[in-house]
Amino acid sequence: MLPLLFAPFVALAQVPPLTLEQLPRPTMPPGERGPVVPAQVERWRQEAKALEYGDGGRRDEVAAAKLYCRAARYGDAEAQYSLGWMLTNARGIQRNDAEAAHLFAAAAEQGMAQAQNMLD
């Protein structure tokens, strides 16, 4: 009986992490066609943060990485930093130090001190 209780958790543990190539390209969700505005990018970052930490409900690091990636591709420094941190720590996505450094550099160029600290 006990093995049956833990079977779903074992199955989750065996799912391989995402790679950066598997993250979505910046496209607008259905119903939001048109030019991207800063408020949309900020919303993606806020949704990603809520999913990363489980604020307000479920915790889903894979979905968080996807949303951070979408916002990062539109130049959001906080999303670039957060996705870089997830890449460095293999949280929801496969570890990739080179890509993380690229994201930290992009965020640092926009004045984010935390990102610069990750590069030092």
Protein backbone atom coordinates (compact mmCIF):
# COMPACT_ATOMS: atom_id res chain seq x y z
CA MET A 1 0.00 0.00 0.00
CA LEU A 2 2.78 2.44 0.90
CA PRO A 3 4.52 2.20 -2.52
CA LEU A 4 1.24 3.14 -4.20
CA LEU A 5 1.05 6.34 -2.16
CA PHE A 6 4.47 7.51 -3.32
CA ALA A 7 4.18 6.39 -6.95
CA PRO A 8 3.06 9.82 -8.25
CA PHE A 9 6.04 11.52 -6.57
CA VAL A 10 8.49 8.99 -8.01
CA ALA A 11 7.08 9.61 -11.48
CA LEU A 12 7.53 13.37 -11.05
CA ALA A 13 11.11 12.95 -9.91
CA GLN A 14 11.95 11.07 -13.13
CA VAL A 15 10.84 13.85 -15.49
CA PRO A 16 13.95 15.32 -17.11
CA PRO A 17 14.38 19.08 -16.70
CA LEU A 18 13.73 21.46 -19.57
CA THR A 19 16.58 22.70 -21.68
CA LEU A 20 16.80 26.31 -22.80
CA GLU A 21 15.95 25.28 -26.37
CA GLN A 22 12.61 23.89 -25.18
CA LEU A 23 11.46 27.23 -23.78
CA PRO A 24 8.94 29.16 -25.88
CA ARG A 25 9.87 31.84 -28.34
CA PRO A 26 8.24 35.19 -27.65
CA THR A 27 4.77 34.90 -29.09
CA MET A 28 1.62 36.44 -27.81
CA PRO A 29 -0.92 34.17 -26.15
CA PRO A 30 -4.24 33.76 -28.02
CA GLY A 31 -6.43 36.79 -27.54
CA GLU A 32 -3.47 39.11 -26.93
CA ARG A 33 -2.31 39.72 -30.49
CA GLY A 34 -0.61 42.97 -31.33
CA PRO A 35 2.48 44.75 -30.11
CA VAL A 36 3.83 43.78 -26.72
CA VAL A 37 3.51 46.52 -24.13
CA PRO A 38 5.56 46.81 -20.92
CA ALA A 39 2.56 45.91 -18.77
CA GLN A 40 2.31 42.52 -20.50
CA VAL A 41 5.98 41.80 -19.94
CA GLU A 42 5.66 42.79 -16.28
CA ARG A 43 2.62 40.54 -15.90
CA TRP A 44 4.56 37.56 -17.33
CA ARG A 45 7.36 38.20 -14.84
CA GLN A 46 4.95 38.50 -11.92
CA GLU A 47 3.15 35.29 -12.93
CA ALA A 48 6.51 33.55 -13.23
CA LYS A 49 7.56 34.67 -9.76
CA ALA A 50 4.27 33.48 -8.26
CA LEU A 51 4.72 30.07 -9.93
CA GLU A 52 8.38 29.82 -8.92
CA TYR A 53 7.65 30.38 -5.23
CA GLY A 54 4.10 29.02 -5.05
CA ASP A 55 2.61 32.37 -4.10
CA GLY A 56 -1.16 32.17 -4.20
CA GLY A 57 -1.37 28.48 -4.94
CA ARG A 58 0.55 25.97 -6.95
CA ARG A 59 4.29 25.88 -7.39
CA ASP A 60 5.44 25.10 -10.94
CA GLU A 61 9.09 25.87 -11.69
CA VAL A 62 8.83 24.66 -15.30
CA ALA A 63 5.97 27.07 -16.04
CA ALA A 64 7.87 29.80 -14.18
CA ALA A 65 10.94 29.28 -16.38
CA LYS A 66 8.79 29.53 -19.51
CA LEU A 67 7.23 32.81 -18.40
CA TYR A 68 10.56 34.27 -17.26
CA CYS A 69 11.97 33.33 -20.66
CA ARG A 70 9.15 35.10 -22.48
CA ALA A 71 9.68 38.28 -20.43
CA ALA A 72 13.48 38.03 -20.66
CA ARG A 73 13.36 37.88 -24.44
CA TYR A 74 11.56 41.21 -24.39
CA GLY A 75 14.40 42.72 -22.34
CA ASP A 76 12.98 42.57 -18.81
CA ALA A 77 16.05 42.76 -16.54
CA GLU A 78 14.37 41.12 -13.54
CA ALA A 79 13.20 38.22 -15.70
CA GLN A 80 16.68 37.88 -17.21
CA TYR A 81 18.17 37.71 -13.72
CA SER A 82 15.55 35.25 -12.45
CA LEU A 83 15.90 32.94 -15.44
CA GLY A 84 19.68 33.12 -15.10
CA TRP A 85 19.37 32.16 -11.45
CA MET A 86 17.11 29.22 -12.34
CA LEU A 87 19.64 28.10 -14.98
CA THR A 88 22.51 28.37 -12.48
CA ASN A 89 20.65 26.33 -9.86
CA ALA A 90 18.84 23.89 -12.20
CA ARG A 91 15.43 24.90 -10.87
CA GLY A 92 12.79 23.81 -13.36
CA ILE A 93 15.28 23.90 -16.20
CA GLN A 94 18.52 22.10 -17.04
CA ARG A 95 21.64 23.81 -15.65
CA ASN A 96 23.42 25.96 -18.22
CA ASP A 97 26.07 28.26 -16.74
CA ALA A 98 27.01 29.85 -20.08
CA GLU A 99 23.45 30.90 -20.85
CA ALA A 100 22.97 32.04 -17.25
CA ALA A 101 26.05 34.27 -17.58
CA HIS A 102 24.63 35.73 -20.80
CA LEU A 103 21.35 36.55 -19.02
CA PHE A 104 23.15 38.00 -15.99
CA ALA A 105 25.22 40.20 -18.32
CA ALA A 106 22.08 41.43 -20.10
CA ALA A 107 20.45 42.29 -16.77
CA ALA A 108 23.65 43.92 -15.47
CA GLU A 109 23.83 46.13 -18.58
CA GLN A 110 20.44 47.50 -17.53
CA GLY A 111 21.81 48.40 -14.10
CA MET A 112 20.81 45.39 -12.01
CA ALA A 113 23.47 45.11 -9.30
CA GLN A 114 22.45 41.57 -8.29
CA ALA A 115 23.14 40.39 -11.83
CA GLN A 116 26.56 42.05 -11.82
CA ASN A 117 27.34 40.32 -8.51
CA MET A 118 26.61 36.95 -10.13
CA LEU A 119 29.23 37.73 -12.79
CA ASP A 120 31.94 38.85 -10.33
